[in-house]
Structures are given as C-alpha cells and as structure tokens.
Amino acid sequence: MSEFEKNDSNVSLPKNEAVPTMIKQTKVIEQIEEKTAGFWMRLWAFIVDFLIVSAIVGIVVNPIFHFFDWSFSEERWYSPMTIISGLFYYAYFVLTTKYWQQTIGKMIFGLKVKSLHEEKLGWLTVLFREVVGRFISNKLPIIYIMVAFMPSNKGLNDIIADTVVVQEKVFIKRKKEIIQEIAPKDKFDGENSISPIG
C-alpha cells in the first residue's frame, strides 16, 4: 500500500489519504452590464404612459359614451366605463411591451424591458408581467416601491415574469466571483509537487 509523506515543500498530506480530485479556486472578473432603471426613472415613464392611456380613453371612449348616453359616474368595478378603460390600459402596456419592449413613456426616458431567459419577450412573459404583475401592483400601489430596494431594481411584475428594465446604451462595470475547479497537479506543480512514496 502506498503512503504519502511530507516532501521538501511546505505542502503535506496525511498518510493513507487519497489525493483530492479537484480543488476550488475563486476568481474575480469584471463584467460590462446594462444599467438597470431606478425607481424615479420608472415612475416618470409610468406617469407619461398613464397620461397617454387617459388621453386615448378620453378621445376614443368618451364620445361613444356621450353618443349612447351612458353614465360616466359609476364607480363600481363592473361598470362599462371601468371595464373599457381597463381594457385600453392593459392592452396598451401588453402590445407596446411585446412589440417594442418599451412603452412610449419608457421610450422617452430611454428604458427597455428585457427577459432574463429569452432573447425576445414572449407572449406569456408579457402577459404575466403586464397583466398579472401590473394588476396586483395597481391594487396595492405600495408594491411599486420595491423597485427602489430590490436587486437589479426589480418590481413585482419583473419578479413574476423574470424580466428587468434597463437603460438603453448605459453600461456599468460589475465585479463577479467565479469558482473554478482545478486539478491538484495544477496547484501543486514544480517544486511544490507531492510525490507518492511506496
């Protein structure tokens, strides 16, 4: 039976123990990444989008209600005005995000929605982000503040859909740790090598 004993170097292994197959080594590298959009930039973009949707509803829907003499004052969630306004609201966010990856408000402020797993935003991703996530956030507006504190400035709709909002053509350097596995001979070579003695 072979035994490993201490040689001339400072490296030693106990007797009768196998040489480790791999050794983990941590390496720090710098990566260039797109800068994520913060809370205030996204808030201003949302305000612009909200004003655009309100204008569309005012131009398209209000005349129809005047023509048929329907009531504007009903505040129930199932009133015709609420339902039609809601359809315009969600359709605007879904269609602009799907086809341009940004709403008009985001275009003005140079923001874009990107998927973490897809090259282009798929329909399912957009529907989860702009309908499910936005519906929950609209019911509890305090949730929007998450953007200010979450990693990568993610909101609830980003978490639900695995997306991130980035600033176009703005990049930052970020340090990233990578753990590599190397063979023992790469670590203990030359005069620090370990030689089996049998």
C-alpha atoms as a PDB file:
ATOM      1  CA  MET A   1       0.000   0.000   0.000  1.00  0.00           C
ATOM      2  CA  SER A   2       1.288   3.489  -0.937  1.00  0.00           C
ATOM      3  CA  GLU A   3       1.718   6.226   1.626  1.00  0.00           C
ATOM      4  CA  PHE A   4       2.043   9.973   1.129  1.00  0.00           C
ATOM      5  CA  GLU A   5       4.641  11.708   3.203  1.00  0.00           C
ATOM      6  CA  LYS A   6       5.834  15.283   3.544  1.00  0.00           C
ATOM      7  CA  ASN A   7       8.458  16.236   0.955  1.00  0.00           C
ATOM      8  CA  ASP A   8      10.838  19.233   0.785  1.00  0.00           C
ATOM      9  CA  SER A   9       7.987  21.737   0.285  1.00  0.00           C
ATOM     10  CA  ASN A  10       5.533  23.205   2.789  1.00  0.00           C
ATOM     11  CA  VAL A  11       2.672  21.112   1.388  1.00  0.00           C
ATOM     12  CA  SER A  12       1.803  17.846   3.040  1.00  0.00           C
ATOM     13  CA  LEU A  13      -0.966  15.321   3.067  1.00  0.00           C
ATOM     14  CA  PRO A  14      -1.734  12.856   5.835  1.00  0.00           C
ATOM     15  CA  LYS A  15      -0.722   9.250   5.330  1.00  0.00           C
ATOM     16  CA  ASN A  16      -3.213   6.834   3.816  1.00  0.00           C
ATOM     17  CA  GLU A  17      -5.472   9.660   2.454  1.00  0.00           C
ATOM     18  CA  ALA A  18      -6.378   9.950  -1.221  1.00  0.00           C
ATOM     19  CA  VAL A  19      -5.260  12.995  -3.208  1.00  0.00           C
ATOM     20  CA  PRO A  20      -8.288  15.307  -3.731  1.00  0.00           C
ATOM     21  CA  THR A  21      -9.564  15.033  -7.284  1.00  0.00           C
ATOM     22  CA  MET A  22     -10.381  18.756  -7.693  1.00  0.00           C
ATOM     23  CA  ILE A  23      -9.508  21.967  -5.865  1.00  0.00           C
ATOM     24  CA  LYS A  24     -11.834  25.007  -5.863  1.00  0.00           C
ATOM     25  CA  GLN A  25     -10.328  28.366  -6.739  1.00  0.00           C
ATOM     26  CA  THR A  26     -12.181  31.707  -6.646  1.00  0.00           C
ATOM     27  CA  LYS A  27     -11.506  34.204  -9.405  1.00  0.00           C
ATOM     28  CA  VAL A  28     -12.863  37.787  -9.599  1.00  0.00           C
ATOM     29  CA  ILE A  29     -13.642  39.125 -13.074  1.00  0.00           C
ATOM     30  CA  GLU A  30     -15.119  42.415 -14.319  1.00  0.00           C
ATOM     31  CA  GLN A  31     -18.217  42.328 -16.495  1.00  0.00           C
ATOM     32  CA  ILE A  32     -19.844  45.091 -18.525  1.00  0.00           C
ATOM     33  CA  GLU A  33     -23.604  45.121 -17.937  1.00  0.00           C
ATOM     34  CA  GLU A  34     -26.503  47.333 -18.940  1.00  0.00           C
ATOM     35  CA  LYS A  35     -27.511  49.653 -16.107  1.00  0.00           C
ATOM     36  CA  THR A  36     -30.894  48.865 -14.602  1.00  0.00           C
ATOM     37  CA  ALA A  37     -33.504  51.617 -14.374  1.00  0.00           C
ATOM     38  CA  GLY A  38     -34.140  53.025 -10.905  1.00  0.00           C
ATOM     39  CA  PHE A  39     -37.378  53.919  -9.154  1.00  0.00           C
ATOM     40  CA  TRP A  40     -37.649  57.565 -10.260  1.00  0.00           C
ATOM     41  CA  MET A  41     -36.935  56.909 -13.942  1.00  0.00           C
ATOM     42  CA  ARG A  42     -39.588  54.204 -13.992  1.00  0.00           C
ATOM     43  CA  LEU A  43     -42.056  56.393 -12.102  1.00  0.00           C
ATOM     44  CA  TRP A  44     -41.756  59.250 -14.618  1.00  0.00           C
ATOM     45  CA  ALA A  45     -42.147  56.782 -17.508  1.00  0.00           C
ATOM     46  CA  PHE A  46     -45.267  55.311 -15.872  1.00  0.00           C
ATOM     47  CA  ILE A  47     -46.786  58.778 -15.357  1.00  0.00           C
ATOM     48  CA  VAL A  48     -46.290  59.549 -19.074  1.00  0.00           C
ATOM     49  CA  ASP A  49     -47.884  56.195 -20.000  1.00  0.00           C
ATOM     50  CA  PHE A  50     -50.813  56.807 -17.657  1.00  0.00           C
ATOM     51  CA  LEU A  51     -51.440  60.225 -19.255  1.00  0.00           C
ATOM     52  CA  ILE A  52     -51.288  58.662 -22.740  1.00  0.00           C
ATOM     53  CA  VAL A  53     -53.817  55.952 -21.804  1.00  0.00           C
ATOM     54  CA  SER A  54     -56.087  58.591 -20.215  1.00  0.00           C
ATOM     55  CA  ALA A  55     -55.890  60.656 -23.410  1.00  0.00           C
ATOM     56  CA  ILE A  56     -56.735  57.624 -25.576  1.00  0.00           C
ATOM     57  CA  VAL A  57     -59.736  56.793 -23.378  1.00  0.00           C
ATOM     58  CA  GLY A  58     -60.830  60.447 -23.471  1.00  0.00           C
ATOM     59  CA  ILE A  59     -60.566  60.663 -27.276  1.00  0.00           C
ATOM     60  CA  VAL A  60     -61.953  57.215 -28.195  1.00  0.00           C
ATOM     61  CA  VAL A  61     -64.215  56.043 -25.377  1.00  0.00           C
ATOM     62  CA  ASN A  62     -65.826  59.220 -24.017  1.00  0.00           C
ATOM     63  CA  PRO A  63     -67.516  60.176 -27.327  1.00  0.00           C
ATOM     64  CA  ILE A  64     -69.049  56.680 -27.527  1.00  0.00           C
ATOM     65  CA  PHE A  65     -70.452  57.067 -24.009  1.00  0.00           C
ATOM     66  CA  HIS A  66     -71.840  60.512 -24.927  1.00  0.00           C
ATOM     67  CA  PHE A  67     -73.402  59.117 -28.090  1.00  0.00           C
ATOM     68  CA  PHE A  68     -75.225  56.301 -26.253  1.00  0.00           C
ATOM     69  CA  ASP A  69     -75.905  58.482 -23.203  1.00  0.00           C
ATOM     70  CA  TRP A  70     -74.171  56.029 -20.887  1.00  0.00           C
ATOM     71  CA  SER A  71     -73.176  57.080 -17.379  1.00  0.00           C
ATOM     72  CA  PHE A  72     -69.602  58.194 -16.617  1.00  0.00           C
ATOM     73  CA  SER A  73     -70.147  58.447 -12.875  1.00  0.00           C
ATOM     74  CA  GLU A  74     -70.481  54.766 -11.926  1.00  0.00           C
ATOM     75  CA  GLU A  75     -67.515  53.708  -9.799  1.00  0.00           C
ATOM     76  CA  ARG A  76     -68.265  50.003  -9.495  1.00  0.00           C
ATOM     77  CA  TRP A  77     -65.537  47.751 -10.896  1.00  0.00           C
ATOM     78  CA  TYR A  78     -68.005  46.165 -13.331  1.00  0.00           C
ATOM     79  CA  SER A  79     -69.351  49.443 -14.732  1.00  0.00           C
ATOM     80  CA  PRO A  80     -68.935  49.779 -18.537  1.00  0.00           C
ATOM     81  CA  MET A  81     -66.548  52.747 -18.194  1.00  0.00           C
ATOM     82  CA  THR A  82     -64.281  50.870 -15.740  1.00  0.00           C
ATOM     83  CA  ILE A  83     -64.176  47.738 -17.890  1.00  0.00           C
ATOM     84  CA  ILE A  84     -63.486  49.567 -21.169  1.00  0.00           C
ATOM     85  CA  SER A  85     -60.863  51.842 -19.583  1.00  0.00           C
ATOM     86  CA  GLY A  86     -59.196  48.769 -18.054  1.00  0.00           C
ATOM     87  CA  LEU A  87     -59.096  47.010 -21.424  1.00  0.00           C
ATOM     88  CA  PHE A  88     -57.404  50.013 -23.042  1.00  0.00           C
ATOM     89  CA  TYR A  89     -54.979  50.313 -20.116  1.00  0.00           C
ATOM     90  CA  TYR A  90     -53.784  46.691 -20.162  1.00  0.00           C
ATOM     91  CA  ALA A  91     -53.863  46.429 -23.977  1.00  0.00           C
ATOM     92  CA  TYR A  92     -51.584  49.476 -24.214  1.00  0.00           C
ATOM     93  CA  PHE A  93     -48.957  48.016 -21.863  1.00  0.00           C
ATOM     94  CA  VAL A  94     -49.162  44.487 -23.341  1.00  0.00           C
ATOM     95  CA  LEU A  95     -48.920  45.485 -27.008  1.00  0.00           C
ATOM     96  CA  THR A  96     -46.214  48.139 -26.692  1.00  0.00           C
ATOM     97  CA  THR A  97     -44.070  45.928 -24.432  1.00  0.00           C
ATOM     98  CA  LYS A  98     -44.483  42.891 -26.688  1.00  0.00           C
ATOM     99  CA  TYR A  99     -43.683  44.610 -29.999  1.00  0.00           C
ATOM    100  CA  TRP A 100     -41.215  47.327 -28.914  1.00  0.00           C
ATOM    101  CA  GLN A 101     -40.024  46.064 -25.499  1.00  0.00           C
ATOM    102  CA  GLN A 102     -40.959  49.502 -24.195  1.00  0.00           C
ATOM    103  CA  THR A 103     -43.968  51.731 -23.773  1.00  0.00           C
ATOM    104  CA  ILE A 104     -43.975  55.300 -25.109  1.00  0.00           C
ATOM    105  CA  GLY A 105     -43.076  56.543 -21.625  1.00  0.00           C
ATOM    106  CA  LYS A 106     -40.114  54.176 -21.497  1.00  0.00           C
ATOM    107  CA  MET A 107     -39.032  55.298 -24.981  1.00  0.00           C
ATOM    108  CA  ILE A 108     -38.978  58.930 -23.841  1.00  0.00           C
ATOM    109  CA  PHE A 109     -36.763  58.079 -20.852  1.00  0.00           C
ATOM    110  CA  GLY A 110     -34.603  55.532 -22.728  1.00  0.00           C
ATOM    111  CA  LEU A 111     -35.768  52.425 -20.859  1.00  0.00           C
ATOM    112  CA  LYS A 112     -36.345  48.920 -22.192  1.00  0.00           C
ATOM    113  CA  VAL A 113     -37.796  45.679 -20.794  1.00  0.00           C
ATOM    114  CA  LYS A 114     -35.589  42.608 -21.209  1.00  0.00           C
ATOM    115  CA  SER A 115     -36.200  38.973 -20.371  1.00  0.00           C
ATOM    116  CA  LEU A 116     -33.643  37.122 -18.269  1.00  0.00           C
ATOM    117  CA  HIS A 117     -34.229  33.885 -20.209  1.00  0.00           C
ATOM    118  CA  GLU A 118     -35.454  34.838 -23.692  1.00  0.00           C
ATOM    119  CA  GLU A 119     -33.824  36.829 -26.454  1.00  0.00           C
ATOM    120  CA  LYS A 120     -37.190  38.400 -27.337  1.00  0.00           C
ATOM    121  CA  LEU A 121     -40.112  38.825 -24.968  1.00  0.00           C
ATOM    122  CA  GLY A 122     -42.652  36.027 -25.468  1.00  0.00           C
ATOM    123  CA  TRP A 123     -46.406  36.468 -25.143  1.00  0.00           C
ATOM    124  CA  LEU A 124     -46.572  34.510 -21.877  1.00  0.00           C
ATOM    125  CA  THR A 125     -43.798  36.634 -20.349  1.00  0.00           C
ATOM    126  CA  VAL A 126     -45.518  39.870 -21.413  1.00  0.00           C
ATOM    127  CA  LEU A 127     -48.949  38.744 -20.171  1.00  0.00           C
ATOM    128  CA  PHE A 128     -47.566  37.728 -16.768  1.00  0.00           C
ATOM    129  CA  ARG A 129     -45.624  40.992 -16.498  1.00  0.00           C
ATOM    130  CA  GLU A 130     -48.137  43.488 -17.843  1.00  0.00           C
ATOM    131  CA  VAL A 131     -51.435  41.905 -16.768  1.00  0.00           C
ATOM    132  CA  VAL A 132     -50.870  39.736 -13.676  1.00  0.00           C
ATOM    133  CA  GLY A 133     -47.993  41.713 -12.151  1.00  0.00           C
ATOM    134  CA  ARG A 134     -49.455  45.124 -13.013  1.00  0.00           C
ATOM    135  CA  PHE A 135     -52.933  44.157 -11.740  1.00  0.00           C
ATOM    136  CA  ILE A 136     -51.528  43.151  -8.328  1.00  0.00           C
ATOM    137  CA  SER A 137     -49.320  46.259  -8.166  1.00  0.00           C
ATOM    138  CA  ASN A 138     -52.269  48.520  -9.059  1.00  0.00           C
ATOM    139  CA  LYS A 139     -54.364  47.017  -6.266  1.00  0.00           C
ATOM    140  CA  LEU A 140     -51.507  47.597  -3.777  1.00  0.00           C
ATOM    141  CA  PRO A 141     -49.562  50.602  -5.143  1.00  0.00           C
ATOM    142  CA  ILE A 142     -47.090  50.473  -2.229  1.00  0.00           C
ATOM    143  CA  ILE A 143     -45.604  47.421  -4.001  1.00  0.00           C
ATOM    144  CA  TYR A 144     -44.108  49.740  -6.646  1.00  0.00           C
ATOM    145  CA  ILE A 145     -41.608  50.949  -4.028  1.00  0.00           C
ATOM    146  CA  MET A 146     -39.914  47.512  -4.277  1.00  0.00           C
ATOM    147  CA  VAL A 147     -38.060  48.872  -7.320  1.00  0.00           C
ATOM    148  CA  ALA A 148     -36.032  51.190  -5.062  1.00  0.00           C
ATOM    149  CA  PHE A 149     -34.767  48.374  -2.803  1.00  0.00           C
ATOM    150  CA  MET A 150     -34.684  45.124  -4.771  1.00  0.00           C
ATOM    151  CA  PRO A 151     -31.523  43.826  -6.522  1.00  0.00           C
ATOM    152  CA  SER A 152     -31.374  44.995 -10.154  1.00  0.00           C
ATOM    153  CA  ASN A 153     -34.254  47.402  -9.337  1.00  0.00           C
ATOM    154  CA  LYS A 154     -36.840  44.679  -9.907  1.00  0.00           C
ATOM    155  CA  GLY A 155     -40.520  45.323  -9.303  1.00  0.00           C
ATOM    156  CA  LEU A 156     -43.133  42.672  -8.566  1.00  0.00           C
ATOM    157  CA  ASN A 157     -44.020  42.357 -12.255  1.00  0.00           C
ATOM    158  CA  ASP A 158     -40.311  41.787 -13.063  1.00  0.00           C
ATOM    159  CA  ILE A 159     -40.079  39.052 -10.425  1.00  0.00           C
ATOM    160  CA  ILE A 160     -43.244  37.348 -11.719  1.00  0.00           C
ATOM    161  CA  ALA A 161     -42.115  37.434 -15.370  1.00  0.00           C
ATOM    162  CA  ASP A 162     -38.303  37.111 -14.916  1.00  0.00           C
ATOM    163  CA  THR A 163     -37.635  40.445 -16.585  1.00  0.00           C
ATOM    164  CA  VAL A 164     -35.534  43.514 -15.884  1.00  0.00           C
ATOM    165  CA  VAL A 165     -35.837  47.142 -17.004  1.00  0.00           C
ATOM    166  CA  VAL A 166     -32.568  48.598 -18.308  1.00  0.00           C
ATOM    167  CA  GLN A 167     -31.377  51.983 -19.514  1.00  0.00           C
ATOM    168  CA  GLU A 168     -30.548  51.894 -23.203  1.00  0.00           C
ATOM    169  CA  LYS A 169     -26.891  52.466 -24.109  1.00  0.00           C
ATOM    170  CA  VAL A 170     -25.858  52.932 -20.461  1.00  0.00           C
ATOM    171  CA  PHE A 171     -23.374  50.377 -19.137  1.00  0.00           C
ATOM    172  CA  ILE A 172     -21.647  49.738 -15.812  1.00  0.00           C
ATOM    173  CA  LYS A 173     -18.725  47.597 -14.689  1.00  0.00           C
ATOM    174  CA  ARG A 174     -19.614  44.916 -12.171  1.00  0.00           C
ATOM    175  CA  LYS A 175     -17.256  42.560 -10.349  1.00  0.00           C
ATOM    176  CA  LYS A 176     -18.276  38.923 -10.319  1.00  0.00           C
ATOM    177  CA  GLU A 177     -16.786  35.982  -8.442  1.00  0.00           C
ATOM    178  CA  ILE A 178     -16.321  32.771 -10.393  1.00  0.00           C
ATOM    179  CA  ILE A 179     -15.481  29.492  -8.660  1.00  0.00           C
ATOM    180  CA  GLN A 180     -13.264  27.241 -10.781  1.00  0.00           C
ATOM    181  CA  GLU A 181     -12.288  23.672 -10.102  1.00  0.00           C
ATOM    182  CA  ILE A 182      -8.696  22.776 -10.941  1.00  0.00           C
ATOM    183  CA  ALA A 183      -6.800  19.507 -10.732  1.00  0.00           C
ATOM    184  CA  PRO A 184      -4.286  19.179  -7.854  1.00  0.00           C
ATOM    185  CA  LYS A 185      -1.343  18.973 -10.253  1.00  0.00           C
ATOM    186  CA  ASP A 186      -2.134  22.497 -11.414  1.00  0.00           C
ATOM    187  CA  LYS A 187      -1.893  23.742  -7.824  1.00  0.00           C
ATOM    188  CA  PHE A 188       0.977  21.563  -6.588  1.00  0.00           C
ATOM    189  CA  ASP A 189       3.373  21.536  -9.500  1.00  0.00           C
ATOM    190  CA  GLY A 190       7.060  22.276  -9.814  1.00  0.00           C
ATOM    191  CA  GLU A 191       8.936  22.281  -6.538  1.00  0.00           C
ATOM    192  CA  ASN A 192       5.665  22.149  -4.550  1.00  0.00           C
ATOM    193  CA  SER A 193       4.631  18.815  -6.056  1.00  0.00           C
ATOM    194  CA  ILE A 194       3.568  15.877  -3.916  1.00  0.00           C
ATOM    195  CA  SER A 195       5.226  12.630  -4.712  1.00  0.00           C
ATOM    196  CA  PRO A 196       3.822   9.268  -3.671  1.00  0.00           C
ATOM    197  CA  ILE A 197       6.391   7.143  -1.849  1.00  0.00           C
ATOM    198  CA  GLY A 198       5.809   3.398  -1.985  1.00  0.00           C
END
